[in-house]
Amino acid sequence: RQQELTQDLTAMMRVMETVLVLNDEQGGSNREMAKLRARNEKLEDRALKLDGELTDLRGKQENFAAQAKELREMHEA
């Protein structure tokens, strides 16, 4: 009977060690996920900023093209 209890206790200790290791790994995964979410938010903010700059530059390009066309027409007239 004592030997069975010892074996059961040993098995339970192995299970507990496994649980502790898995919990630690999960905690690491959660921390990594939080870091990745923060990085993703920063990248989304940067993409939004760059999209705004692109829209601004396209508008400036259109204005420049219109002014250049107007100047050409004035010189031709």
C-alpha atoms as a PDB file:
ATOM      1  CA  ARG A   1       0.000   0.000   0.000  1.00  0.00           C
ATOM      2  CA  GLN A   2       2.831   2.420   0.854  1.00  0.00           C
ATOM      3  CA  GLN A   3       4.455   1.750  -2.517  1.00  0.00           C
ATOM      4  CA  GLU A   4       1.182   2.542  -4.344  1.00  0.00           C
ATOM      5  CA  LEU A   5       0.846   5.799  -2.439  1.00  0.00           C
ATOM      6  CA  THR A   6       4.431   6.703  -3.295  1.00  0.00           C
ATOM      7  CA  GLN A   7       3.802   5.978  -6.989  1.00  0.00           C
ATOM      8  CA  ASP A   8       0.588   8.009  -6.925  1.00  0.00           C
ATOM      9  CA  LEU A   9       2.356  10.895  -5.220  1.00  0.00           C
ATOM     10  CA  THR A  10       5.195  10.743  -7.749  1.00  0.00           C
ATOM     11  CA  ALA A  11       2.693  10.782 -10.611  1.00  0.00           C
ATOM     12  CA  MET A  12       0.859  13.751  -9.083  1.00  0.00           C
ATOM     13  CA  MET A  13       4.142  15.634  -8.690  1.00  0.00           C
ATOM     14  CA  ARG A  14       4.893  15.061 -12.381  1.00  0.00           C
ATOM     15  CA  VAL A  15       1.431  16.331 -13.289  1.00  0.00           C
ATOM     16  CA  MET A  16       1.934  19.423 -11.132  1.00  0.00           C
ATOM     17  CA  GLU A  17       5.346  20.084 -12.697  1.00  0.00           C
ATOM     18  CA  THR A  18       3.764  19.816 -16.135  1.00  0.00           C
ATOM     19  CA  VAL A  19       0.976  22.201 -15.130  1.00  0.00           C
ATOM     20  CA  LEU A  20       3.500  24.719 -13.802  1.00  0.00           C
ATOM     21  CA  VAL A  21       5.567  24.541 -16.986  1.00  0.00           C
ATOM     22  CA  LEU A  22       2.494  24.930 -19.204  1.00  0.00           C
ATOM     23  CA  ASN A  23       1.216  27.860 -17.144  1.00  0.00           C
ATOM     24  CA  ASP A  24       4.607  29.545 -17.407  1.00  0.00           C
ATOM     25  CA  GLU A  25       4.632  29.027 -21.168  1.00  0.00           C
ATOM     26  CA  GLN A  26       1.111  30.414 -21.430  1.00  0.00           C
ATOM     27  CA  GLY A  27       2.134  33.468 -19.431  1.00  0.00           C
ATOM     28  CA  GLY A  28       5.013  34.005 -21.836  1.00  0.00           C
ATOM     29  CA  SER A  29       2.638  33.630 -24.757  1.00  0.00           C
ATOM     30  CA  ASN A  30       0.272  36.181 -23.237  1.00  0.00           C
ATOM     31  CA  ARG A  31       3.119  38.652 -22.745  1.00  0.00           C
ATOM     32  CA  GLU A  32       4.289  38.080 -26.313  1.00  0.00           C
ATOM     33  CA  MET A  33       0.731  38.596 -27.589  1.00  0.00           C
ATOM     34  CA  ALA A  34       0.473  41.877 -25.666  1.00  0.00           C
ATOM     35  CA  LYS A  35       3.762  43.066 -27.187  1.00  0.00           C
ATOM     36  CA  LEU A  36       2.581  42.120 -30.668  1.00  0.00           C
ATOM     37  CA  ARG A  37      -0.737  43.922 -30.160  1.00  0.00           C
ATOM     38  CA  ALA A  38       1.084  47.078 -29.059  1.00  0.00           C
ATOM     39  CA  ARG A  39       3.406  46.852 -32.071  1.00  0.00           C
ATOM     40  CA  ASN A  40       0.422  46.306 -34.354  1.00  0.00           C
ATOM     41  CA  GLU A  41      -1.292  49.415 -32.967  1.00  0.00           C
ATOM     42  CA  LYS A  42       1.843  51.488 -33.590  1.00  0.00           C
ATOM     43  CA  LEU A  43       2.084  50.176 -37.143  1.00  0.00           C
ATOM     44  CA  GLU A  44      -1.597  50.903 -37.770  1.00  0.00           C
ATOM     45  CA  ASP A  45      -1.102  54.463 -36.497  1.00  0.00           C
ATOM     46  CA  ARG A  46       1.913  54.897 -38.767  1.00  0.00           C
ATOM     47  CA  ALA A  47       0.018  53.488 -41.754  1.00  0.00           C
ATOM     48  CA  LEU A  48      -2.822  55.934 -41.096  1.00  0.00           C
ATOM     49  CA  LYS A  49      -0.362  58.831 -40.888  1.00  0.00           C
ATOM     50  CA  LEU A  50       1.368  57.776 -44.110  1.00  0.00           C
ATOM     51  CA  ASP A  51      -1.996  57.402 -45.839  1.00  0.00           C
ATOM     52  CA  GLY A  52      -2.833  60.977 -44.852  1.00  0.00           C
ATOM     53  CA  GLU A  53       0.513  62.197 -46.177  1.00  0.00           C
ATOM     54  CA  LEU A  54      -0.052  60.303 -49.426  1.00  0.00           C
ATOM     55  CA  THR A  55      -3.468  61.903 -49.863  1.00  0.00           C
ATOM     56  CA  ASP A  56      -1.924  65.328 -49.224  1.00  0.00           C
ATOM     57  CA  LEU A  57       0.853  64.731 -51.755  1.00  0.00           C
ATOM     58  CA  ARG A  58      -1.609  63.521 -54.384  1.00  0.00           C
ATOM     59  CA  GLY A  59      -3.613  66.707 -53.897  1.00  0.00           C
ATOM     60  CA  LYS A  60      -0.469  68.802 -54.277  1.00  0.00           C
ATOM     61  CA  GLN A  61       0.467  66.858 -57.403  1.00  0.00           C
ATOM     62  CA  GLU A  62      -2.956  67.557 -58.921  1.00  0.00           C
ATOM     63  CA  ASN A  63      -2.643  71.271 -58.083  1.00  0.00           C
ATOM     64  CA  PHE A  64       0.841  71.413 -59.592  1.00  0.00           C
ATOM     65  CA  ALA A  65      -0.345  69.683 -62.766  1.00  0.00           C
ATOM     66  CA  ALA A  66      -3.273  72.098 -63.073  1.00  0.00           C
ATOM     67  CA  GLN A  67      -0.998  75.123 -62.569  1.00  0.00           C
ATOM     68  CA  ALA A  68       1.530  73.788 -65.076  1.00  0.00           C
ATOM     69  CA  LYS A  69      -1.242  73.262 -67.628  1.00  0.00           C
ATOM     70  CA  GLU A  70      -2.556  76.769 -67.003  1.00  0.00           C
ATOM     71  CA  LEU A  71       0.919  78.280 -67.461  1.00  0.00           C
ATOM     72  CA  ARG A  72       1.448  76.355 -70.710  1.00  0.00           C
ATOM     73  CA  GLU A  73      -1.883  77.579 -72.012  1.00  0.00           C
ATOM     74  CA  MET A  74      -1.006  81.166 -71.043  1.00  0.00           C
ATOM     75  CA  HIS A  75       2.338  80.959 -72.870  1.00  0.00           C
ATOM     76  CA  GLU A  76       0.704  79.457 -75.948  1.00  0.00           C
ATOM     77  CA  ALA A  77      -1.930  82.175 -76.103  1.00  0.00           C
END
